Amino acid sequence: MGKQYNKMIKRRRRKAYAERKKKRLTEQRNQRKTTRSAKSSGTAVSP
């Protein structure tokens, strides 16, 4: 269980990291949409 197994572990870790990163990006995108719409409605009223 030498190098070949290490490659399997590395592949699993990389895949898990990519999933976490993608999930975080989608959450940030959703938050940005909600804050942007709230800000835009506020700025449209003030001028």
PDB file of N, CA and C in Angstrom:
ATOM      1  N   MET A   1       0.829  -1.185   0.000  1.00  0.00           N
ATOM      2  CA  MET A   1       0.000   0.000   0.000  1.00  0.00           C
ATOM      3  C   MET A   1       0.874   1.250   0.000  1.00  0.00           C
ATOM      4  N   GLY A   2       1.680   1.390  -0.938  1.00  0.00           N
ATOM      5  CA  GLY A   2       2.615   2.503  -0.965  1.00  0.00           C
ATOM      6  C   GLY A   2       2.116   3.671  -1.772  1.00  0.00           C
ATOM      7  N   LYS A   3       2.784   3.941  -2.859  1.00  0.00           N
ATOM      8  CA  LYS A   3       2.508   5.135  -3.647  1.00  0.00           C
ATOM      9  C   LYS A   3       1.104   5.136  -4.245  1.00  0.00           C
ATOM     10  N   GLN A   4       0.657   3.976  -4.690  1.00  0.00           N
ATOM     11  CA  GLN A   4      -0.657   3.920  -5.325  1.00  0.00           C
ATOM     12  C   GLN A   4      -1.751   4.359  -4.344  1.00  0.00           C
ATOM     13  N   TYR A   5      -1.657   3.896  -3.112  1.00  0.00           N
ATOM     14  CA  TYR A   5      -2.651   4.260  -2.110  1.00  0.00           C
ATOM     15  C   TYR A   5      -2.571   5.750  -1.790  1.00  0.00           C
ATOM     16  N   ASN A   6      -1.361   6.284  -1.748  1.00  0.00           N
ATOM     17  CA  ASN A   6      -1.203   7.716  -1.492  1.00  0.00           C
ATOM     18  C   ASN A   6      -1.896   8.538  -2.574  1.00  0.00           C
ATOM     19  N   LYS A   7      -1.840   8.071  -3.800  1.00  0.00           N
ATOM     20  CA  LYS A   7      -2.491   8.778  -4.899  1.00  0.00           C
ATOM     21  C   LYS A   7      -4.005   8.750  -4.722  1.00  0.00           C
ATOM     22  N   MET A   8      -4.532   7.619  -4.232  1.00  0.00           N
ATOM     23  CA  MET A   8      -5.969   7.537  -3.984  1.00  0.00           C
ATOM     24  C   MET A   8      -6.389   8.540  -2.916  1.00  0.00           C
ATOM     25  N   ILE A   9      -5.613   8.611  -1.853  1.00  0.00           N
ATOM     26  CA  ILE A   9      -5.923   9.546  -0.766  1.00  0.00           C
ATOM     27  C   ILE A   9      -5.881  10.981  -1.280  1.00  0.00           C
ATOM     28  N   LYS A  10      -4.857  11.279  -2.052  1.00  0.00           N
ATOM     29  CA  LYS A  10      -4.703  12.622  -2.598  1.00  0.00           C
ATOM     30  C   LYS A  10      -5.899  12.979  -3.478  1.00  0.00           C
ATOM     31  N   ARG A  11      -6.342  12.029  -4.291  1.00  0.00           N
ATOM     32  CA  ARG A  11      -7.473  12.258  -5.175  1.00  0.00           C
ATOM     33  C   ARG A  11      -8.737  12.542  -4.370  1.00  0.00           C
ATOM     34  N   ARG A  12      -8.941  11.761  -3.286  1.00  0.00           N
ATOM     35  CA  ARG A  12     -10.114  11.973  -2.436  1.00  0.00           C
ATOM     36  C   ARG A  12     -10.074  13.349  -1.775  1.00  0.00           C
ATOM     37  N   ARG A  13      -8.909  13.730  -1.266  1.00  0.00           N
ATOM     38  CA  ARG A  13      -8.780  15.023  -0.596  1.00  0.00           C
ATOM     39  C   ARG A  13      -9.041  16.169  -1.561  1.00  0.00           C
ATOM     40  N   ARG A  14      -8.493  16.042  -2.768  1.00  0.00           N
ATOM     41  CA  ARG A  14      -8.669  17.082  -3.784  1.00  0.00           C
ATOM     42  C   ARG A  14     -10.147  17.214  -4.177  1.00  0.00           C
ATOM     43  N   LYS A  15     -10.819  16.074  -4.315  1.00  0.00           N
ATOM     44  CA  LYS A  15     -12.233  16.086  -4.678  1.00  0.00           C
ATOM     45  C   LYS A  15     -13.073  16.728  -3.577  1.00  0.00           C
ATOM     46  N   ALA A  16     -12.775  16.390  -2.325  1.00  0.00           N
ATOM     47  CA  ALA A  16     -13.511  16.960  -1.194  1.00  0.00           C
ATOM     48  C   ALA A  16     -13.285  18.468  -1.118  1.00  0.00           C
ATOM     49  N   TYR A  17     -12.053  18.892  -1.354  1.00  0.00           N
ATOM     50  CA  TYR A  17     -11.732  20.325  -1.326  1.00  0.00           C
ATOM     51  C   TYR A  17     -12.498  21.059  -2.423  1.00  0.00           C
ATOM     52  N   ALA A  18     -12.543  20.470  -3.612  1.00  0.00           N
ATOM     53  CA  ALA A  18     -13.248  21.106  -4.719  1.00  0.00           C
ATOM     54  C   ALA A  18     -14.742  21.244  -4.404  1.00  0.00           C
ATOM     55  N   GLU A  19     -15.318  20.234  -3.775  1.00  0.00           N
ATOM     56  CA  GLU A  19     -16.733  20.296  -3.415  1.00  0.00           C
ATOM     57  C   GLU A  19     -16.981  21.377  -2.372  1.00  0.00           C
ATOM     58  N   ARG A  20     -16.108  21.464  -1.373  1.00  0.00           N
ATOM     59  CA  ARG A  20     -16.265  22.495  -0.346  1.00  0.00           C
ATOM     60  C   ARG A  20     -16.154  23.888  -0.954  1.00  0.00           C
ATOM     61  N   LYS A  21     -15.189  24.044  -1.859  1.00  0.00           N
ATOM     62  CA  LYS A  21     -14.967  25.340  -2.493  1.00  0.00           C
ATOM     63  C   LYS A  21     -16.182  25.737  -3.335  1.00  0.00           C
ATOM     64  N   LYS A  22     -16.725  24.783  -4.093  1.00  0.00           N
ATOM     65  CA  LYS A  22     -17.878  25.055  -4.930  1.00  0.00           C
ATOM     66  C   LYS A  22     -19.089  25.433  -4.073  1.00  0.00           C
ATOM     67  N   LYS A  23     -19.271  24.722  -2.970  1.00  0.00           N
ATOM     68  CA  LYS A  23     -20.395  25.004  -2.081  1.00  0.00           C
ATOM     69  C   LYS A  23     -20.270  26.412  -1.499  1.00  0.00           C
ATOM     70  N   ARG A  24     -19.049  26.785  -1.086  1.00  0.00           N
ATOM     71  CA  ARG A  24     -18.831  28.110  -0.508  1.00  0.00           C
ATOM     72  C   ARG A  24     -19.080  29.198  -1.548  1.00  0.00           C
ATOM     73  N   LEU A  25     -18.660  28.967  -2.790  1.00  0.00           N
ATOM     74  CA  LEU A  25     -18.874  29.956  -3.844  1.00  0.00           C
ATOM     75  C   LEU A  25     -20.359  30.153  -4.138  1.00  0.00           C
ATOM     76  N   THR A  26     -21.115  29.074  -4.171  1.00  0.00           N
ATOM     77  CA  THR A  26     -22.550  29.195  -4.430  1.00  0.00           C
ATOM     78  C   THR A  26     -23.237  29.938  -3.294  1.00  0.00           C
ATOM     79  N   GLU A  27     -22.818  29.690  -2.048  1.00  0.00           N
ATOM     80  CA  GLU A  27     -23.399  30.410  -0.921  1.00  0.00           C
ATOM     81  C   GLU A  27     -23.079  31.892  -1.005  1.00  0.00           C
ATOM     82  N   GLN A  28     -21.848  32.229  -1.369  1.00  0.00           N
ATOM     83  CA  GLN A  28     -21.468  33.632  -1.496  1.00  0.00           C
ATOM     84  C   GLN A  28     -22.257  34.301  -2.609  1.00  0.00           C
ATOM     85  N   ARG A  29     -22.458  33.582  -3.707  1.00  0.00           N
ATOM     86  CA  ARG A  29     -23.216  34.134  -4.824  1.00  0.00           C
ATOM     87  C   ARG A  29     -24.649  34.427  -4.399  1.00  0.00           C
ATOM     88  N   ASN A  30     -25.259  33.497  -3.651  1.00  0.00           N
ATOM     89  CA  ASN A  30     -26.631  33.693  -3.194  1.00  0.00           C
ATOM     90  C   ASN A  30     -26.722  34.868  -2.235  1.00  0.00           C
ATOM     91  N   GLN A  31     -25.748  35.013  -1.357  1.00  0.00           N
ATOM     92  CA  GLN A  31     -25.754  36.133  -0.419  1.00  0.00           C
ATOM     93  C   GLN A  31     -25.573  37.448  -1.167  1.00  0.00           C
ATOM     94  N   ARG A  32     -24.725  37.449  -2.163  1.00  0.00           N
ATOM     95  CA  ARG A  32     -24.450  38.668  -2.921  1.00  0.00           C
ATOM     96  C   ARG A  32     -25.709  39.124  -3.651  1.00  0.00           C
ATOM     97  N   LYS A  33     -26.478  38.186  -4.193  1.00  0.00           N
ATOM     98  CA  LYS A  33     -27.705  38.536  -4.901  1.00  0.00           C
ATOM     99  C   LYS A  33     -28.706  39.179  -3.956  1.00  0.00           C
ATOM    100  N   THR A  34     -28.843  38.642  -2.759  1.00  0.00           N
ATOM    101  CA  THR A  34     -29.819  39.199  -1.814  1.00  0.00           C
ATOM    102  C   THR A  34     -29.383  40.578  -1.338  1.00  0.00           C
ATOM    103  N   THR A  35     -28.096  40.764  -1.060  1.00  0.00           N
ATOM    104  CA  THR A  35     -27.633  42.070  -0.583  1.00  0.00           C
ATOM    105  C   THR A  35     -27.659  43.095  -1.699  1.00  0.00           C
ATOM    106  N   ARG A  36     -27.348  42.682  -2.906  1.00  0.00           N
ATOM    107  CA  ARG A  36     -27.328  43.612  -4.028  1.00  0.00           C
ATOM    108  C   ARG A  36     -28.730  44.140  -4.307  1.00  0.00           C
ATOM    109  N   SER A  37     -29.750  43.258  -4.267  1.00  0.00           N
ATOM    110  CA  SER A  37     -31.110  43.703  -4.542  1.00  0.00           C
ATOM    111  C   SER A  37     -31.595  44.646  -3.444  1.00  0.00           C
ATOM    112  N   ALA A  38     -31.215  44.390  -2.209  1.00  0.00           N
ATOM    113  CA  ALA A  38     -31.605  45.270  -1.107  1.00  0.00           C
ATOM    114  C   ALA A  38     -30.915  46.623  -1.244  1.00  0.00           C
ATOM    115  N   LYS A  39     -29.644  46.617  -1.619  1.00  0.00           N
ATOM    116  CA  LYS A  39     -28.923  47.880  -1.773  1.00  0.00           C
ATOM    117  C   LYS A  39     -29.470  48.677  -2.944  1.00  0.00           C
ATOM    118  N   SER A  40     -29.755  48.017  -4.044  1.00  0.00           N
ATOM    119  CA  SER A  40     -30.207  48.733  -5.222  1.00  0.00           C
ATOM    120  C   SER A  40     -31.570  49.381  -4.974  1.00  0.00           C
ATOM    121  N   SER A  41     -32.443  48.735  -4.236  1.00  0.00           N
ATOM    122  CA  SER A  41     -33.743  49.334  -3.952  1.00  0.00           C
ATOM    123  C   SER A  41     -33.581  50.545  -3.045  1.00  0.00           C
ATOM    124  N   GLY A  42     -32.636  50.489  -2.114  1.00  0.00           N
ATOM    125  CA  GLY A  42     -32.371  51.613  -1.219  1.00  0.00           C
ATOM    126  C   GLY A  42     -31.771  52.795  -1.941  1.00  0.00           C
ATOM    127  N   THR A  43     -30.878  52.565  -2.900  1.00  0.00           N
ATOM    128  CA  THR A  43     -30.223  53.662  -3.611  1.00  0.00           C
ATOM    129  C   THR A  43     -31.183  54.290  -4.630  1.00  0.00           C
ATOM    130  N   ALA A  44     -32.095  53.511  -5.146  1.00  0.00           N
ATOM    131  CA  ALA A  44     -33.027  54.038  -6.142  1.00  0.00           C
ATOM    132  C   ALA A  44     -33.991  55.016  -5.478  1.00  0.00           C
ATOM    133  N   VAL A  45     -34.288  54.820  -4.225  1.00  0.00           N
ATOM    134  CA  VAL A  45     -35.232  55.697  -3.526  1.00  0.00           C
ATOM    135  C   VAL A  45     -34.583  57.012  -3.143  1.00  0.00           C
ATOM    136  N   SER A  46     -33.311  57.007  -2.734  1.00  0.00           N
ATOM    137  CA  SER A  46     -32.678  58.213  -2.213  1.00  0.00           C
ATOM    138  C   SER A  46     -32.434  59.323  -3.245  1.00  0.00           C
ATOM    139  N   PRO A  47     -32.103  59.076  -4.521  1.00  0.00           N
ATOM    140  CA  PRO A  47     -31.854  60.203  -5.432  1.00  0.00           C
ATOM    141  C   PRO A  47     -33.099  60.869  -5.871  1.00  0.00           C
TER     142      PRO A  47
END
